[in-house]
Structure formats: C-alpha cells, structure tokens
Amino acid sequence: MWHSTDLLLRPYPRGFHLITREVVSALPELSGVRVGLLHVFIRHTSASLTLSENASPEVRRDFERYFNGAVPENTGGYEHTLEGSDDMPAHIKAALLGSSLTLPVSGGQLHLGTWQGIYLCEHRNRGGARTLTLTLTGEGQAP
C-alpha cells in the first residue's frame, strides 16, 4: 500500500516547533498500517525537519540558540542577501538539518521513542505557511 498527501502547515514563528500531532492528524490511513514507513519531506529551502525531544520546550529554545550562534546573520560574509539577512543563514541551517525524515510505522502508529517528536525548524523570521509531502507505505493490518 502507498499513500501520499500534502500537509499545509500554518505559518510558525522562527524557531523549533513540534508538529507530530499535525502530521498524524493528516494521515487517517496510518491506523490501517501494520508495518511500514512514513517519509516526511518539507518542500522549502529555508526550513527543515528533525526528530528530537518532545517534552521540554527548553530543548527547542536551545536548538534555536545553538543554530543562531553557529550560523549567524549580519556577518557581511554572504552574497545571497536580496531576500533579507535571515535568508542565507536559513538555507545553511536547512541544509545542515535536512529536508526529510523517514519514520517507522508499527501497529497503526508512528513507532517513535517515548521522548521523540517531529520538529518543524523554521529558520526565517517570516517564513510563511510550509508544505510537507507525507508518503506512507506499508502492509495493512492482519485479519
């Protein structure tokens, strides 16, 4: 079985945001998969995805602080500046973190660790709505 759908996320402010619920809610077909994979792909170059700690908001703030220090704005060292001082750093952060996740599915749900959640990593000050392509593959529930 294969299923693909696009999920339009509302605009999020700059930072790291848990979106696991939005992803699962967009896939009612997930409940019928006994074993499979979910591929989550973000169709943008200035935002990214990652999987990390899902309980503590401090972790998300620490991620933002780390990446802002590692890839600072307004350094005068970027050529690509027509779209604002946050644009090229956003592209670099997105390249470092990645544009997709492949997650296991078991028993009709994502088979994540207890403290794992899907993050939208918004690297722009005003990135706008973001689109994810969700591709689910797997075998159905045993009779």
N, C-alpha and C. Protein backbone atom coordinates (compact mmCIF):
# COMPACT_ATOMS: atom_id res chain seq x y z
N MET A 1 0.83 -1.18 0.00
CA MET A 1 0.00 0.00 0.00
C MET A 1 0.88 1.24 0.00
N TRP A 2 0.51 2.20 -0.85
CA TRP A 2 1.18 3.50 -0.90
C TRP A 2 0.13 4.58 -0.77
N HIS A 3 0.44 5.64 -0.05
CA HIS A 3 -0.45 6.79 0.06
C HIS A 3 0.41 8.04 0.20
N SER A 4 0.03 9.09 -0.53
CA SER A 4 0.76 10.35 -0.43
C SER A 4 -0.23 11.49 -0.31
N THR A 5 0.10 12.45 0.53
CA THR A 5 -0.72 13.64 0.70
C THR A 5 0.17 14.82 1.06
N ASP A 6 -0.28 16.00 0.73
CA ASP A 6 0.42 17.21 1.15
C ASP A 6 -0.27 17.78 2.37
N LEU A 7 0.53 18.25 3.30
CA LEU A 7 0.04 18.89 4.53
C LEU A 7 0.51 20.32 4.52
N LEU A 8 -0.41 21.26 4.53
CA LEU A 8 -0.07 22.68 4.60
C LEU A 8 -0.08 23.09 6.07
N LEU A 9 1.09 23.46 6.56
CA LEU A 9 1.21 23.92 7.94
C LEU A 9 0.96 25.42 8.00
N ARG A 10 0.32 25.87 9.04
CA ARG A 10 0.13 27.30 9.26
C ARG A 10 1.50 27.95 9.42
N PRO A 11 1.60 29.26 9.22
CA PRO A 11 2.88 29.92 9.48
C PRO A 11 3.27 29.81 10.96
N TYR A 12 4.49 29.42 11.19
CA TYR A 12 5.05 29.36 12.54
C TYR A 12 6.09 30.45 12.68
N PRO A 13 6.28 30.99 13.88
CA PRO A 13 7.37 31.95 14.07
C PRO A 13 8.72 31.23 13.97
N ARG A 14 9.75 31.99 13.82
CA ARG A 14 11.09 31.42 13.78
C ARG A 14 11.31 30.58 15.04
N GLY A 15 11.91 29.41 14.86
CA GLY A 15 12.18 28.53 15.99
C GLY A 15 11.91 27.08 15.63
N PHE A 16 11.90 26.25 16.65
CA PHE A 16 11.73 24.81 16.50
C PHE A 16 10.39 24.43 17.11
N HIS A 17 9.53 23.78 16.33
CA HIS A 17 8.14 23.56 16.73
C HIS A 17 7.76 22.09 16.56
N LEU A 18 7.13 21.53 17.59
CA LEU A 18 6.63 20.15 17.50
C LEU A 18 5.43 20.11 16.57
N ILE A 19 5.47 19.23 15.57
CA ILE A 19 4.36 19.10 14.63
C ILE A 19 3.89 17.65 14.49
N THR A 20 4.28 16.81 15.42
CA THR A 20 3.90 15.39 15.35
C THR A 20 2.40 15.23 15.23
N ARG A 21 1.63 15.93 16.04
CA ARG A 21 0.16 15.80 16.00
C ARG A 21 -0.41 16.19 14.65
N GLU A 22 0.11 17.28 14.06
CA GLU A 22 -0.38 17.71 12.76
C GLU A 22 -0.12 16.66 11.70
N VAL A 23 1.07 16.06 11.74
CA VAL A 23 1.43 15.03 10.77
C VAL A 23 0.51 13.81 10.93
N VAL A 24 0.34 13.33 12.14
CA VAL A 24 -0.50 12.15 12.39
C VAL A 24 -1.96 12.45 12.02
N SER A 25 -2.44 13.64 12.35
CA SER A 25 -3.83 14.00 12.04
C SER A 25 -4.10 14.05 10.54
N ALA A 26 -3.08 14.35 9.76
CA ALA A 26 -3.23 14.44 8.31
C ALA A 26 -3.24 13.07 7.64
N LEU A 27 -3.01 12.00 8.42
CA LEU A 27 -2.90 10.65 7.86
C LEU A 27 -3.83 9.65 8.55
N PRO A 28 -5.14 9.75 8.31
CA PRO A 28 -6.03 8.74 8.90
C PRO A 28 -5.68 7.32 8.42
N GLU A 29 -5.02 7.21 7.27
CA GLU A 29 -4.62 5.91 6.71
C GLU A 29 -3.58 5.21 7.59
N LEU A 30 -2.91 5.97 8.43
CA LEU A 30 -1.87 5.42 9.30
C LEU A 30 -2.41 4.29 10.17
N SER A 31 -3.62 4.44 10.65
CA SER A 31 -4.19 3.45 11.57
C SER A 31 -4.37 2.08 10.93
N GLY A 32 -4.37 2.01 9.61
CA GLY A 32 -4.53 0.73 8.92
C GLY A 32 -3.23 0.06 8.53
N VAL A 33 -2.11 0.61 8.94
CA VAL A 33 -0.81 0.05 8.55
C VAL A 33 -0.23 -0.77 9.70
N ARG A 34 -0.03 -2.05 9.44
CA ARG A 34 0.56 -2.95 10.44
C ARG A 34 2.05 -2.69 10.58
N VAL A 35 2.74 -2.60 9.43
CA VAL A 35 4.17 -2.32 9.42
C VAL A 35 4.48 -1.51 8.17
N GLY A 36 5.30 -0.46 8.33
CA GLY A 36 5.60 0.37 7.18
C GLY A 36 6.53 1.51 7.52
N LEU A 37 6.56 2.48 6.61
CA LEU A 37 7.40 3.66 6.76
C LEU A 37 6.62 4.90 6.37
N LEU A 38 6.88 5.98 7.07
CA LEU A 38 6.36 7.29 6.70
C LEU A 38 7.54 8.17 6.34
N HIS A 39 7.50 8.69 5.12
CA HIS A 39 8.52 9.64 4.69
C HIS A 39 7.89 11.03 4.74
N VAL A 40 8.54 11.95 5.45
CA VAL A 40 8.06 13.32 5.61
C VAL A 40 9.09 14.23 4.93
N PHE A 41 8.63 15.01 3.93
CA PHE A 41 9.52 15.86 3.15
C PHE A 41 9.00 17.29 3.18
N ILE A 42 9.86 18.25 3.51
CA ILE A 42 9.46 19.66 3.50
C ILE A 42 9.85 20.27 2.16
N ARG A 43 8.91 20.95 1.53
CA ARG A 43 9.11 21.46 0.18
C ARG A 43 9.61 22.91 0.20
N HIS A 44 10.62 23.17 1.02
CA HIS A 44 11.16 24.52 1.17
C HIS A 44 12.66 24.42 1.42
N THR A 45 13.38 25.51 1.14
CA THR A 45 14.84 25.51 1.32
C THR A 45 15.29 26.37 2.49
N SER A 46 14.35 26.98 3.21
CA SER A 46 14.75 27.81 4.35
C SER A 46 14.07 27.35 5.65
N ALA A 47 13.58 26.14 5.63
CA ALA A 47 13.04 25.48 6.83
C ALA A 47 13.45 24.01 6.71
N SER A 48 13.44 23.31 7.83
CA SER A 48 13.89 21.92 7.81
C SER A 48 13.08 21.09 8.80
N LEU A 49 13.44 19.82 8.87
CA LEU A 49 12.79 18.87 9.77
C LEU A 49 13.86 18.16 10.59
N THR A 50 13.50 17.82 11.81
CA THR A 50 14.36 16.95 12.60
C THR A 50 13.49 16.21 13.61
N LEU A 51 14.07 15.21 14.22
CA LEU A 51 13.41 14.41 15.24
C LEU A 51 14.19 14.58 16.53
N SER A 52 13.49 14.97 17.61
CA SER A 52 14.20 15.16 18.87
C SER A 52 13.22 15.11 20.03
N GLU A 53 13.70 15.51 21.18
CA GLU A 53 13.00 15.54 22.46
C GLU A 53 11.65 16.25 22.34
N ASN A 54 10.58 15.60 22.79
CA ASN A 54 9.24 16.15 22.59
C ASN A 54 8.58 16.70 23.85
N ALA A 55 9.26 16.72 24.97
CA ALA A 55 8.62 17.14 26.21
C ALA A 55 9.03 18.53 26.69
N SER A 56 10.29 18.83 26.60
CA SER A 56 10.80 20.05 27.21
C SER A 56 10.95 21.19 26.19
N PRO A 57 10.23 22.30 26.38
CA PRO A 57 10.39 23.44 25.47
C PRO A 57 11.79 24.05 25.53
N GLU A 58 12.52 23.80 26.62
CA GLU A 58 13.88 24.32 26.71
C GLU A 58 14.77 23.74 25.61
N VAL A 59 14.52 22.47 25.25
CA VAL A 59 15.31 21.83 24.19
C VAL A 59 15.13 22.59 22.88
N ARG A 60 13.90 22.95 22.56
CA ARG A 60 13.64 23.67 21.31
C ARG A 60 14.29 25.06 21.33
N ARG A 61 14.26 25.72 22.47
CA ARG A 61 14.91 27.03 22.58
C ARG A 61 16.43 26.89 22.49
N ASP A 62 16.98 25.83 23.07
CA ASP A 62 18.42 25.60 22.99
C ASP A 62 18.85 25.31 21.54
N PHE A 63 18.05 24.55 20.80
CA PHE A 63 18.33 24.33 19.38
C PHE A 63 18.42 25.66 18.65
N GLU A 64 17.42 26.52 18.85
CA GLU A 64 17.39 27.82 18.17
C GLU A 64 18.62 28.65 18.54
N ARG A 65 18.97 28.69 19.79
CA ARG A 65 20.13 29.45 20.26
C ARG A 65 21.42 28.90 19.63
N TYR A 66 21.55 27.56 19.61
CA TYR A 66 22.75 26.95 19.04
C TYR A 66 22.89 27.30 17.55
N PHE A 67 21.84 27.08 16.78
CA PHE A 67 21.93 27.31 15.34
C PHE A 67 22.11 28.79 15.00
N ASN A 68 21.54 29.69 15.79
CA ASN A 68 21.76 31.12 15.56
C ASN A 68 23.22 31.49 15.81
N GLY A 69 23.85 30.84 16.78
CA GLY A 69 25.27 31.09 17.04
C GLY A 69 26.16 30.45 15.99
N ALA A 70 25.81 29.25 15.54
CA ALA A 70 26.63 28.54 14.56
C ALA A 70 26.54 29.16 13.17
N VAL A 71 25.37 29.71 12.83
CA VAL A 71 25.15 30.31 11.52
C VAL A 71 24.53 31.70 11.73
N PRO A 72 25.34 32.68 12.10
CA PRO A 72 24.81 33.99 12.46
C PRO A 72 24.37 34.81 11.24
N GLU A 73 23.48 35.75 11.50
CA GLU A 73 23.06 36.72 10.48
C GLU A 73 23.96 37.94 10.55
N ASN A 74 23.85 38.78 9.53
CA ASN A 74 24.50 40.10 9.51
C ASN A 74 26.01 40.04 9.71
N THR A 75 26.65 39.02 9.15
CA THR A 75 28.10 38.92 9.29
C THR A 75 28.83 39.63 8.15
N GLY A 76 28.09 39.98 7.10
CA GLY A 76 28.71 40.60 5.94
C GLY A 76 29.41 39.59 5.04
N GLY A 77 29.30 38.33 5.36
CA GLY A 77 30.01 37.32 4.59
C GLY A 77 29.16 36.58 3.56
N TYR A 78 27.88 36.94 3.41
CA TYR A 78 27.01 36.23 2.48
C TYR A 78 26.78 37.06 1.22
N GLU A 79 26.76 36.42 0.06
CA GLU A 79 26.43 37.08 -1.19
C GLU A 79 24.93 37.11 -1.42
N HIS A 80 24.24 36.05 -1.04
CA HIS A 80 22.80 35.93 -1.26
C HIS A 80 22.06 36.69 -0.15
N THR A 81 21.76 37.97 -0.39
CA THR A 81 21.14 38.80 0.64
C THR A 81 19.89 39.53 0.17
N LEU A 82 19.46 39.32 -1.08
CA LEU A 82 18.32 40.06 -1.63
C LEU A 82 17.02 39.81 -0.87
N GLU A 83 16.89 38.65 -0.25
CA GLU A 83 15.64 38.32 0.46
C GLU A 83 15.72 38.59 1.96
N GLY A 84 16.76 39.27 2.41
CA GLY A 84 16.87 39.61 3.82
C GLY A 84 18.04 38.94 4.50
N SER A 85 18.40 39.48 5.64
CA SER A 85 19.59 38.99 6.36
C SER A 85 19.40 37.60 6.95
N ASP A 86 18.14 37.16 7.09
CA ASP A 86 17.90 35.82 7.63
C ASP A 86 17.86 34.74 6.56
N ASP A 87 17.86 35.11 5.26
CA ASP A 87 17.63 34.13 4.20
C ASP A 87 18.80 33.16 4.00
N MET A 88 19.99 33.64 3.76
CA MET A 88 21.11 32.72 3.53
C MET A 88 21.41 31.90 4.78
N PRO A 89 21.42 32.48 5.98
CA PRO A 89 21.58 31.63 7.16
C PRO A 89 20.48 30.55 7.24
N ALA A 90 19.26 30.89 6.83
CA ALA A 90 18.19 29.90 6.85
C ALA A 90 18.48 28.75 5.90
N HIS A 91 19.00 29.05 4.72
CA HIS A 91 19.35 27.99 3.77
C HIS A 91 20.45 27.08 4.34
N ILE A 92 21.44 27.68 4.98
CA ILE A 92 22.53 26.88 5.55
C ILE A 92 22.00 25.98 6.67
N LYS A 93 21.18 26.54 7.57
CA LYS A 93 20.61 25.74 8.67
C LYS A 93 19.77 24.59 8.12
N ALA A 94 18.97 24.88 7.08
CA ALA A 94 18.14 23.84 6.48
C ALA A 94 18.99 22.75 5.86
N ALA A 95 20.10 23.14 5.21
CA ALA A 95 20.98 22.14 4.62
C ALA A 95 21.64 21.27 5.69
N LEU A 96 21.98 21.87 6.82
CA LEU A 96 22.60 21.11 7.91
C LEU A 96 21.62 20.12 8.55
N LEU A 97 20.39 20.55 8.75
CA LEU A 97 19.40 19.71 9.42
C LEU A 97 18.71 18.72 8.49
N GLY A 98 18.44 19.14 7.27
CA GLY A 98 17.85 18.23 6.30
C GLY A 98 16.39 18.52 5.99
N SER A 99 15.97 18.00 4.86
CA SER A 99 14.62 18.27 4.36
C SER A 99 13.66 17.11 4.51
N SER A 100 14.10 16.00 5.08
CA SER A 100 13.19 14.87 5.20
C SER A 100 13.52 13.97 6.39
N LEU A 101 12.49 13.21 6.77
CA LEU A 101 12.61 12.19 7.81
C LEU A 101 11.94 10.92 7.30
N THR A 102 12.49 9.78 7.60
CA THR A 102 11.83 8.51 7.33
C THR A 102 11.62 7.83 8.67
N LEU A 103 10.34 7.59 8.98
CA LEU A 103 9.97 7.11 10.31
C LEU A 103 9.28 5.75 10.23
N PRO A 104 9.56 4.86 11.19
CA PRO A 104 8.90 3.56 11.19
C PRO A 104 7.44 3.67 11.63
N VAL A 105 6.63 2.78 11.07
CA VAL A 105 5.22 2.65 11.45
C VAL A 105 5.00 1.23 11.92
N SER A 106 4.34 1.08 13.05
CA SER A 106 4.06 -0.23 13.60
C SER A 106 2.71 -0.21 14.31
N GLY A 107 1.88 -1.19 14.01
CA GLY A 107 0.60 -1.29 14.70
C GLY A 107 -0.30 -0.08 14.52
N GLY A 108 -0.24 0.56 13.36
CA GLY A 108 -1.13 1.67 13.08
C GLY A 108 -0.72 3.01 13.64
N GLN A 109 0.54 3.12 14.11
CA GLN A 109 1.01 4.41 14.62
C GLN A 109 2.50 4.57 14.36
N LEU A 110 2.96 5.82 14.48
CA LEU A 110 4.39 6.04 14.36
C LEU A 110 5.09 5.30 15.49
N HIS A 111 6.18 4.65 15.17
CA HIS A 111 6.92 3.86 16.16
C HIS A 111 8.12 4.67 16.64
N LEU A 112 7.81 5.74 17.38
CA LEU A 112 8.83 6.65 17.89
C LEU A 112 9.17 6.30 19.32
N GLY A 113 10.33 6.78 19.76
CA GLY A 113 10.70 6.62 21.15
C GLY A 113 9.82 7.47 22.04
N THR A 114 9.80 7.16 23.32
CA THR A 114 8.95 7.84 24.28
C THR A 114 9.09 9.35 24.22
N TRP A 115 10.30 9.85 24.04
CA TRP A 115 10.55 11.29 24.10
C TRP A 115 10.86 11.88 22.73
N GLN A 116 10.44 11.22 21.65
CA GLN A 116 10.73 11.72 20.31
C GLN A 116 9.52 12.39 19.68
N GLY A 117 9.78 13.50 19.00
CA GLY A 117 8.74 14.20 18.27
C GLY A 117 9.31 14.81 17.00
N ILE A 118 8.44 15.06 16.04
CA ILE A 118 8.82 15.68 14.77
C ILE A 118 8.84 17.18 14.95
N TYR A 119 9.94 17.80 14.56
CA TYR A 119 10.08 19.25 14.64
C TYR A 119 10.01 19.87 13.24
N LEU A 120 9.26 20.95 13.12
CA LEU A 120 9.43 21.90 12.03
C LEU A 120 10.47 22.90 12.53
N CYS A 121 11.54 23.06 11.78
CA CYS A 121 12.59 24.00 12.14
C CYS A 121 12.43 25.20 11.21
N GLU A 122 11.80 26.24 11.72
CA GLU A 122 11.55 27.45 10.92
C GLU A 122 12.72 28.40 11.11
N HIS A 123 13.46 28.64 10.02
CA HIS A 123 14.68 29.43 10.11
C HIS A 123 14.51 30.88 9.64
N ARG A 124 13.33 31.22 9.13
CA ARG A 124 13.09 32.59 8.67
C ARG A 124 12.28 33.34 9.72
N ASN A 125 12.47 34.67 9.74
CA ASN A 125 11.67 35.49 10.65
C ASN A 125 10.19 35.47 10.27
N ARG A 126 9.92 35.46 8.97
CA ARG A 126 8.55 35.38 8.46
C ARG A 126 8.53 34.38 7.32
N GLY A 127 8.64 33.11 7.64
CA GLY A 127 8.73 32.07 6.62
C GLY A 127 7.42 31.76 5.93
N GLY A 128 6.31 32.04 6.57
CA GLY A 128 5.01 31.76 5.98
C GLY A 128 4.60 30.31 6.15
N ALA A 129 3.51 29.96 5.49
CA ALA A 129 3.00 28.59 5.53
C ALA A 129 4.03 27.65 4.90
N ARG A 130 4.11 26.45 5.38
CA ARG A 130 5.05 25.46 4.87
C ARG A 130 4.28 24.22 4.44
N THR A 131 4.73 23.59 3.36
CA THR A 131 4.08 22.39 2.85
C THR A 131 4.96 21.18 3.07
N LEU A 132 4.38 20.14 3.62
CA LEU A 132 5.04 18.85 3.79
C LEU A 132 4.39 17.84 2.86
N THR A 133 5.18 17.01 2.22
CA THR A 133 4.65 15.86 1.49
C THR A 133 4.84 14.65 2.38
N LEU A 134 3.75 13.97 2.67
CA LEU A 134 3.75 12.79 3.54
C LEU A 134 3.51 11.57 2.65
N THR A 135 4.46 10.65 2.63
CA THR A 135 4.34 9.44 1.83
C THR A 135 4.39 8.23 2.75
N LEU A 136 3.29 7.51 2.78
CA LEU A 136 3.13 6.35 3.66
C LEU A 136 3.15 5.08 2.82
N THR A 137 3.95 4.14 3.23
CA THR A 137 3.97 2.83 2.58
C THR A 137 3.97 1.75 3.64
N GLY A 138 3.34 0.63 3.33
CA GLY A 138 3.33 -0.45 4.31
C GLY A 138 2.31 -1.51 4.00
N GLU A 139 2.22 -2.45 4.90
CA GLU A 139 1.26 -3.56 4.81
C GLU A 139 0.13 -3.30 5.79
N GLY A 140 -1.08 -3.68 5.36
CA GLY A 140 -2.25 -3.48 6.20
C GLY A 140 -2.31 -4.40 7.41
N GLN A 141 -3.27 -4.11 8.26
CA GLN A 141 -3.49 -4.90 9.48
C GLN A 141 -3.79 -6.36 9.12
N ALA A 142 -3.27 -7.26 9.88
CA ALA A 142 -3.57 -8.69 9.68
C ALA A 142 -5.03 -8.93 10.04
N PRO A 143 -5.72 -9.81 9.29
CA PRO A 143 -7.15 -10.09 9.59
C PRO A 143 -7.35 -10.74 10.94
